[in-house]
Amino acid sequence: MFLILVVTMFLAGCLALPIKDPYSYSSEVGQGLGTPFSSYGEGRITGVRVWETNNNYYYYYYYYNYNSNNYISGLQLRYGSNWSPVFGGEGGLKQEIELFNDEAIVEVSGKYNPADYICYLVLTTNMGRTLSAGMPNQVSFNFYPDNMGNELRLLSGRINGAGITSIGAHWGLVDMEGAGNSSIGAHWGLLDMEGAGNSTLETALETVTPIF
């Protein structure tokens, strides 16, 4: 009888423990001026395109010196078999990666110039593959999910007429069985619409207006 009571109390204690929010948001970095954007689509991210603008030039200061002013001008994500709109512009050199089955983006990193644009962007998958664009100059940033097993669900930030001025990453789970039944579940990684307001959903809705 005593053993049953102990087990019951243990199980009740486990149920009373708070459940960690399985969704996280890596706050935006960058200048942050311009029009807000947020990628969207149903299902897992299966491909990414990134455009980089290369404004190499020379300047004179006692001698000629070479300077590079690369920055990210636009990006596009594919959800399932459908590409999202291009956020930003398609000018410059395009870099593209298509993900394998069960491959997911688990890290977003790069560099940004606090005065203008995202200079360098690197997307890394759980299989160790990367897509990189731009030039590794200025201030570094590294985005990871807070919870093991989560993957990139969407990118958000701001754009102006020339490029990406800020970027943030939203992480979550993907319900591959139910992704086609709920656009909200697919877009946000099956967020609890009531309980996730303190993290990913609230932040995104306050700072981002999806472009349809």
C-alpha atoms as a PDB file:
ATOM      1  CA  MET A   1       0.000   0.000   0.000  1.00  0.00           C
ATOM      2  CA  PHE A   2       2.831   2.346   0.932  1.00  0.00           C
ATOM      3  CA  LEU A   3       4.588   1.546  -2.360  1.00  0.00           C
ATOM      4  CA  ILE A   4       1.445   2.370  -4.331  1.00  0.00           C
ATOM      5  CA  LEU A   5       1.172   5.692  -2.515  1.00  0.00           C
ATOM      6  CA  VAL A   6       4.808   6.558  -3.280  1.00  0.00           C
ATOM      7  CA  VAL A   7       4.412   5.718  -6.963  1.00  0.00           C
ATOM      8  CA  THR A   8       1.210   7.751  -7.167  1.00  0.00           C
ATOM      9  CA  MET A   9       2.875  10.777  -5.582  1.00  0.00           C
ATOM     10  CA  PHE A  10       5.846  10.444  -7.951  1.00  0.00           C
ATOM     11  CA  LEU A  11       3.627  10.340 -11.034  1.00  0.00           C
ATOM     12  CA  ALA A  12       1.604  13.302  -9.793  1.00  0.00           C
ATOM     13  CA  GLY A  13       4.819  15.251  -9.297  1.00  0.00           C
ATOM     14  CA  CYS A  14       5.953  14.465 -12.825  1.00  0.00           C
ATOM     15  CA  LEU A  15       2.658  15.655 -14.250  1.00  0.00           C
ATOM     16  CA  ALA A  16       2.932  18.876 -12.277  1.00  0.00           C
ATOM     17  CA  LEU A  17       6.327  19.746 -13.756  1.00  0.00           C
ATOM     18  CA  PRO A  18       6.159  22.574 -16.292  1.00  0.00           C
ATOM     19  CA  ILE A  19       6.585  21.472 -19.898  1.00  0.00           C
ATOM     20  CA  LYS A  20       9.370  23.347 -21.657  1.00  0.00           C
ATOM     21  CA  ASP A  21       8.195  25.278 -24.674  1.00  0.00           C
ATOM     22  CA  PRO A  22       9.505  23.242 -27.647  1.00  0.00           C
ATOM     23  CA  TYR A  23       9.559  26.309 -29.900  1.00  0.00           C
ATOM     24  CA  SER A  24      12.123  29.079 -29.841  1.00  0.00           C
ATOM     25  CA  TYR A  25      12.991  32.329 -31.551  1.00  0.00           C
ATOM     26  CA  SER A  26      16.458  33.655 -32.308  1.00  0.00           C
ATOM     27  CA  SER A  27      16.063  37.420 -32.095  1.00  0.00           C
ATOM     28  CA  GLU A  28      16.748  39.518 -35.158  1.00  0.00           C
ATOM     29  CA  VAL A  29      20.154  41.040 -35.782  1.00  0.00           C
ATOM     30  CA  GLY A  30      20.960  43.905 -38.108  1.00  0.00           C
ATOM     31  CA  GLN A  31      19.968  47.487 -38.709  1.00  0.00           C
ATOM     32  CA  GLY A  32      16.289  46.580 -38.859  1.00  0.00           C
ATOM     33  CA  LEU A  33      15.010  49.334 -41.141  1.00  0.00           C
ATOM     34  CA  GLY A  34      12.570  48.679 -43.946  1.00  0.00           C
ATOM     35  CA  THR A  35       9.577  46.431 -44.546  1.00  0.00           C
ATOM     36  CA  PRO A  36       9.068  43.382 -42.294  1.00  0.00           C
ATOM     37  CA  PHE A  37       8.901  39.948 -43.894  1.00  0.00           C
ATOM     38  CA  SER A  38       8.254  36.387 -42.767  1.00  0.00           C
ATOM     39  CA  SER A  39       8.620  33.214 -44.819  1.00  0.00           C
ATOM     40  CA  TYR A  40       5.677  30.819 -44.813  1.00  0.00           C
ATOM     41  CA  GLY A  41       4.552  27.533 -46.316  1.00  0.00           C
ATOM     42  CA  GLU A  42       3.239  24.070 -45.534  1.00  0.00           C
ATOM     43  CA  GLY A  43       5.491  21.239 -44.449  1.00  0.00           C
ATOM     44  CA  ARG A  44       9.234  21.059 -43.945  1.00  0.00           C
ATOM     45  CA  ILE A  45      11.716  23.449 -45.544  1.00  0.00           C
ATOM     46  CA  THR A  46      13.152  21.526 -48.507  1.00  0.00           C
ATOM     47  CA  GLY A  47      15.181  24.174 -50.309  1.00  0.00           C
ATOM     48  CA  VAL A  48      16.716  27.620 -49.954  1.00  0.00           C
ATOM     49  CA  ARG A  49      17.860  30.265 -52.413  1.00  0.00           C
ATOM     50  CA  VAL A  50      19.978  33.240 -51.399  1.00  0.00           C
ATOM     51  CA  TRP A  51      21.074  36.150 -53.592  1.00  0.00           C
ATOM     52  CA  GLU A  52      24.214  38.129 -52.801  1.00  0.00           C
ATOM     53  CA  THR A  53      25.199  41.505 -54.243  1.00  0.00           C
ATOM     54  CA  ASN A  54      28.897  42.072 -54.802  1.00  0.00           C
ATOM     55  CA  ASN A  55      29.949  45.722 -54.781  1.00  0.00           C
ATOM     56  CA  ASN A  56      33.724  45.399 -54.960  1.00  0.00           C
ATOM     57  CA  TYR A  57      35.557  48.673 -55.354  1.00  0.00           C
ATOM     58  CA  TYR A  58      38.891  50.385 -54.829  1.00  0.00           C
ATOM     59  CA  TYR A  59      39.504  53.407 -52.659  1.00  0.00           C
ATOM     60  CA  TYR A  60      42.601  55.593 -52.359  1.00  0.00           C
ATOM     61  CA  TYR A  61      44.292  56.241 -49.039  1.00  0.00           C
ATOM     62  CA  TYR A  62      48.044  56.668 -49.510  1.00  0.00           C
ATOM     63  CA  TYR A  63      47.803  53.624 -51.763  1.00  0.00           C
ATOM     64  CA  TYR A  64      45.137  51.646 -53.560  1.00  0.00           C
ATOM     65  CA  ASN A  65      43.416  49.160 -51.346  1.00  0.00           C
ATOM     66  CA  TYR A  66      40.788  46.591 -52.256  1.00  0.00           C
ATOM     67  CA  ASN A  67      37.520  46.621 -50.371  1.00  0.00           C
ATOM     68  CA  SER A  68      34.529  44.335 -50.645  1.00  0.00           C
ATOM     69  CA  ASN A  69      30.987  45.336 -49.803  1.00  0.00           C
ATOM     70  CA  ASN A  70      29.029  42.127 -50.323  1.00  0.00           C
ATOM     71  CA  TYR A  71      25.598  41.787 -48.757  1.00  0.00           C
ATOM     72  CA  ILE A  72      22.520  39.564 -48.915  1.00  0.00           C
ATOM     73  CA  SER A  73      20.024  41.047 -51.339  1.00  0.00           C
ATOM     74  CA  GLY A  74      17.261  38.418 -51.168  1.00  0.00           C
ATOM     75  CA  LEU A  75      16.204  34.972 -50.036  1.00  0.00           C
ATOM     76  CA  GLN A  76      13.547  32.369 -50.808  1.00  0.00           C
ATOM     77  CA  LEU A  77      12.514  29.164 -49.018  1.00  0.00           C
ATOM     78  CA  ARG A  78      10.791  26.092 -50.401  1.00  0.00           C
ATOM     79  CA  TYR A  79       8.232  24.335 -48.205  1.00  0.00           C
ATOM     80  CA  GLY A  80       7.450  20.874 -49.486  1.00  0.00           C
ATOM     81  CA  SER A  81       7.349  21.369 -53.254  1.00  0.00           C
ATOM     82  CA  ASN A  82       6.306  25.042 -53.221  1.00  0.00           C
ATOM     83  CA  TRP A  83       8.622  28.034 -53.220  1.00  0.00           C
ATOM     84  CA  SER A  84       7.748  31.061 -51.120  1.00  0.00           C
ATOM     85  CA  PRO A  85       7.925  34.555 -52.607  1.00  0.00           C
ATOM     86  CA  VAL A  86      11.380  36.109 -52.859  1.00  0.00           C
ATOM     87  CA  PHE A  87      12.006  38.345 -49.857  1.00  0.00           C
ATOM     88  CA  GLY A  88      14.215  41.178 -51.018  1.00  0.00           C
ATOM     89  CA  GLY A  89      15.626  41.204 -54.535  1.00  0.00           C
ATOM     90  CA  GLU A  90      17.042  38.699 -57.004  1.00  0.00           C
ATOM     91  CA  GLY A  91      20.002  40.841 -58.001  1.00  0.00           C
ATOM     92  CA  GLY A  92      23.525  39.472 -57.958  1.00  0.00           C
ATOM     93  CA  LEU A  93      24.779  35.913 -57.579  1.00  0.00           C
ATOM     94  CA  LYS A  94      22.309  33.187 -56.564  1.00  0.00           C
ATOM     95  CA  GLN A  95      23.255  30.351 -54.191  1.00  0.00           C
ATOM     96  CA  GLU A  96      20.860  27.411 -53.848  1.00  0.00           C
ATOM     97  CA  ILE A  97      20.567  24.198 -51.858  1.00  0.00           C
ATOM     98  CA  GLU A  98      17.964  21.434 -52.053  1.00  0.00           C
ATOM     99  CA  LEU A  99      17.585  19.313 -48.949  1.00  0.00           C
ATOM    100  CA  PHE A 100      17.458  15.525 -48.916  1.00  0.00           C
ATOM    101  CA  ASN A 101      14.681  13.543 -47.255  1.00  0.00           C
ATOM    102  CA  ASP A 102      14.928  13.883 -43.458  1.00  0.00           C
ATOM    103  CA  GLU A 103      17.449  16.724 -43.852  1.00  0.00           C
ATOM    104  CA  ALA A 104      16.690  19.906 -41.922  1.00  0.00           C
ATOM    105  CA  ILE A 105      18.351  23.241 -41.222  1.00  0.00           C
ATOM    106  CA  VAL A 106      19.665  23.305 -37.658  1.00  0.00           C
ATOM    107  CA  GLU A 107      21.879  26.401 -37.637  1.00  0.00           C
ATOM    108  CA  VAL A 108      21.724  29.874 -39.162  1.00  0.00           C
ATOM    109  CA  SER A 109      24.833  31.997 -38.841  1.00  0.00           C
ATOM    110  CA  GLY A 110      26.678  34.786 -40.584  1.00  0.00           C
ATOM    111  CA  LYS A 111      27.729  38.402 -40.233  1.00  0.00           C
ATOM    112  CA  TYR A 112      25.930  41.727 -40.365  1.00  0.00           C
ATOM    113  CA  ASN A 113      26.829  45.374 -40.699  1.00  0.00           C
ATOM    114  CA  PRO A 114      25.003  47.362 -37.980  1.00  0.00           C
ATOM    115  CA  ALA A 115      24.832  50.285 -40.405  1.00  0.00           C
ATOM    116  CA  ASP A 116      23.133  48.568 -43.307  1.00  0.00           C
ATOM    117  CA  TYR A 117      22.789  44.917 -44.427  1.00  0.00           C
ATOM    118  CA  ILE A 118      23.273  41.263 -43.593  1.00  0.00           C
ATOM    119  CA  CYS A 119      26.710  40.702 -45.127  1.00  0.00           C
ATOM    120  CA  TYR A 120      27.078  36.944 -44.879  1.00  0.00           C
ATOM    121  CA  LEU A 121      24.618  34.091 -44.395  1.00  0.00           C
ATOM    122  CA  VAL A 122      25.325  30.413 -43.706  1.00  0.00           C
ATOM    123  CA  LEU A 123      22.640  27.728 -43.352  1.00  0.00           C
ATOM    124  CA  THR A 124      23.804  24.397 -41.906  1.00  0.00           C
ATOM    125  CA  THR A 125      21.811  21.145 -41.981  1.00  0.00           C
ATOM    126  CA  ASN A 126      21.710  18.139 -39.674  1.00  0.00           C
ATOM    127  CA  MET A 127      23.728  16.271 -42.321  1.00  0.00           C
ATOM    128  CA  GLY A 128      26.581  18.760 -42.125  1.00  0.00           C
ATOM    129  CA  ARG A 129      25.910  20.413 -45.476  1.00  0.00           C
ATOM    130  CA  THR A 130      25.944  24.195 -45.797  1.00  0.00           C
ATOM    131  CA  LEU A 131      24.791  26.985 -48.044  1.00  0.00           C
ATOM    132  CA  SER A 132      26.820  30.181 -47.739  1.00  0.00           C
ATOM    133  CA  ALA A 133      26.477  33.542 -49.472  1.00  0.00           C
ATOM    134  CA  GLY A 134      28.068  36.945 -49.078  1.00  0.00           C
ATOM    135  CA  MET A 135      31.378  37.972 -47.546  1.00  0.00           C
ATOM    136  CA  PRO A 136      32.385  37.170 -43.915  1.00  0.00           C
ATOM    137  CA  ASN A 137      32.908  40.749 -42.759  1.00  0.00           C
ATOM    138  CA  GLN A 138      31.559  42.758 -39.810  1.00  0.00           C
ATOM    139  CA  VAL A 139      29.697  41.408 -36.720  1.00  0.00           C
ATOM    140  CA  SER A 140      29.079  37.670 -36.274  1.00  0.00           C
ATOM    141  CA  PHE A 141      25.816  35.988 -35.261  1.00  0.00           C
ATOM    142  CA  ASN A 142      24.888  32.357 -34.616  1.00  0.00           C
ATOM    143  CA  PHE A 143      21.330  31.047 -34.333  1.00  0.00           C
ATOM    144  CA  TYR A 144      20.476  27.608 -32.906  1.00  0.00           C
ATOM    145  CA  PRO A 145      17.212  26.047 -31.664  1.00  0.00           C
ATOM    146  CA  ASP A 146      16.845  25.949 -27.890  1.00  0.00           C
ATOM    147  CA  ASN A 147      15.622  22.355 -27.977  1.00  0.00           C
ATOM    148  CA  MET A 148      17.205  19.230 -29.410  1.00  0.00           C
ATOM    149  CA  GLY A 149      15.356  17.855 -32.409  1.00  0.00           C
ATOM    150  CA  ASN A 150      13.962  21.198 -33.524  1.00  0.00           C
ATOM    151  CA  GLU A 151      14.642  22.637 -36.951  1.00  0.00           C
ATOM    152  CA  LEU A 152      14.269  25.905 -38.803  1.00  0.00           C
ATOM    153  CA  ARG A 153      10.602  26.674 -39.476  1.00  0.00           C
ATOM    154  CA  LEU A 154      10.824  30.180 -40.869  1.00  0.00           C
ATOM    155  CA  LEU A 155      13.047  33.214 -41.320  1.00  0.00           C
ATOM    156  CA  SER A 156      11.854  36.718 -40.568  1.00  0.00           C
ATOM    157  CA  GLY A 157      13.357  40.173 -40.602  1.00  0.00           C
ATOM    158  CA  ARG A 158      13.281  43.376 -42.604  1.00  0.00           C
ATOM    159  CA  ILE A 159      14.133  44.367 -46.158  1.00  0.00           C
ATOM    160  CA  ASN A 160      14.547  47.603 -48.070  1.00  0.00           C
ATOM    161  CA  GLY A 161      14.880  48.275 -51.761  1.00  0.00           C
ATOM    162  CA  ALA A 162      18.391  46.824 -51.959  1.00  0.00           C
ATOM    163  CA  GLY A 163      18.669  43.935 -49.517  1.00  0.00           C
ATOM    164  CA  ILE A 164      18.088  42.243 -46.156  1.00  0.00           C
ATOM    165  CA  THR A 165      18.636  44.682 -43.281  1.00  0.00           C
ATOM    166  CA  SER A 166      17.853  42.275 -40.440  1.00  0.00           C
ATOM    167  CA  ILE A 167      17.169  38.574 -39.936  1.00  0.00           C
ATOM    168  CA  GLY A 168      15.856  36.264 -37.207  1.00  0.00           C
ATOM    169  CA  ALA A 169      15.152  32.531 -37.035  1.00  0.00           C
ATOM    170  CA  HIS A 170      12.150  30.586 -35.702  1.00  0.00           C
ATOM    171  CA  TRP A 171      12.612  26.975 -34.623  1.00  0.00           C
ATOM    172  CA  GLY A 172      10.114  24.195 -33.984  1.00  0.00           C
ATOM    173  CA  LEU A 173       8.858  20.714 -34.777  1.00  0.00           C
ATOM    174  CA  VAL A 174       7.273  19.510 -37.987  1.00  0.00           C
ATOM    175  CA  ASP A 175       4.219  17.261 -37.997  1.00  0.00           C
ATOM    176  CA  MET A 176       4.721  15.567 -41.369  1.00  0.00           C
ATOM    177  CA  GLU A 177       1.385  13.715 -41.068  1.00  0.00           C
ATOM    178  CA  GLY A 178      -0.750  16.710 -40.198  1.00  0.00           C
ATOM    179  CA  ALA A 179       1.117  19.413 -42.093  1.00  0.00           C
ATOM    180  CA  GLY A 180      -1.384  19.449 -44.913  1.00  0.00           C
ATOM    181  CA  ASN A 181      -4.363  19.801 -42.589  1.00  0.00           C
ATOM    182  CA  SER A 182      -3.448  23.045 -40.876  1.00  0.00           C
ATOM    183  CA  SER A 183      -1.724  26.026 -42.392  1.00  0.00           C
ATOM    184  CA  ILE A 184      -1.019  27.478 -38.958  1.00  0.00           C
ATOM    185  CA  GLY A 185       0.488  24.197 -37.765  1.00  0.00           C
ATOM    186  CA  ALA A 186       2.608  23.954 -40.881  1.00  0.00           C
ATOM    187  CA  HIS A 187       3.780  27.555 -40.815  1.00  0.00           C
ATOM    188  CA  TRP A 188       4.669  27.687 -37.150  1.00  0.00           C
ATOM    189  CA  GLY A 189       5.695  24.112 -36.420  1.00  0.00           C
ATOM    190  CA  LEU A 190       2.475  23.189 -34.586  1.00  0.00           C
ATOM    191  CA  LEU A 191       2.637  25.981 -32.056  1.00  0.00           C
ATOM    192  CA  ASP A 192       0.299  25.927 -29.083  1.00  0.00           C
ATOM    193  CA  MET A 193      -1.622  29.081 -30.003  1.00  0.00           C
ATOM    194  CA  GLU A 194      -2.363  29.838 -26.341  1.00  0.00           C
ATOM    195  CA  GLY A 195       0.827  28.702 -24.642  1.00  0.00           C
ATOM    196  CA  ALA A 196       3.412  29.894 -27.137  1.00  0.00           C
ATOM    197  CA  GLY A 197       2.531  33.552 -26.893  1.00  0.00           C
ATOM    198  CA  ASN A 198       5.538  34.264 -24.681  1.00  0.00           C
ATOM    199  CA  SER A 199       8.068  33.092 -27.251  1.00  0.00           C
ATOM    200  CA  THR A 200       7.962  32.514 -30.978  1.00  0.00           C
ATOM    201  CA  LEU A 201       4.382  33.399 -31.891  1.00  0.00           C
ATOM    202  CA  GLU A 202       4.116  36.611 -29.899  1.00  0.00           C
ATOM    203  CA  THR A 203       7.476  37.886 -31.085  1.00  0.00           C
ATOM    204  CA  ALA A 204       6.769  37.106 -34.710  1.00  0.00           C
ATOM    205  CA  LEU A 205       3.285  38.576 -34.731  1.00  0.00           C
ATOM    206  CA  GLU A 206       4.495  41.767 -33.078  1.00  0.00           C
ATOM    207  CA  THR A 207       7.463  42.303 -35.356  1.00  0.00           C
ATOM    208  CA  VAL A 208       6.510  40.612 -38.618  1.00  0.00           C
ATOM    209  CA  THR A 209       3.714  41.084 -41.083  1.00  0.00           C
ATOM    210  CA  PRO A 210       3.658  38.067 -43.451  1.00  0.00           C
ATOM    211  CA  ILE A 211       3.656  39.026 -47.110  1.00  0.00           C
ATOM    212  CA  PHE A 212       0.905  37.220 -49.037  1.00  0.00           C
END
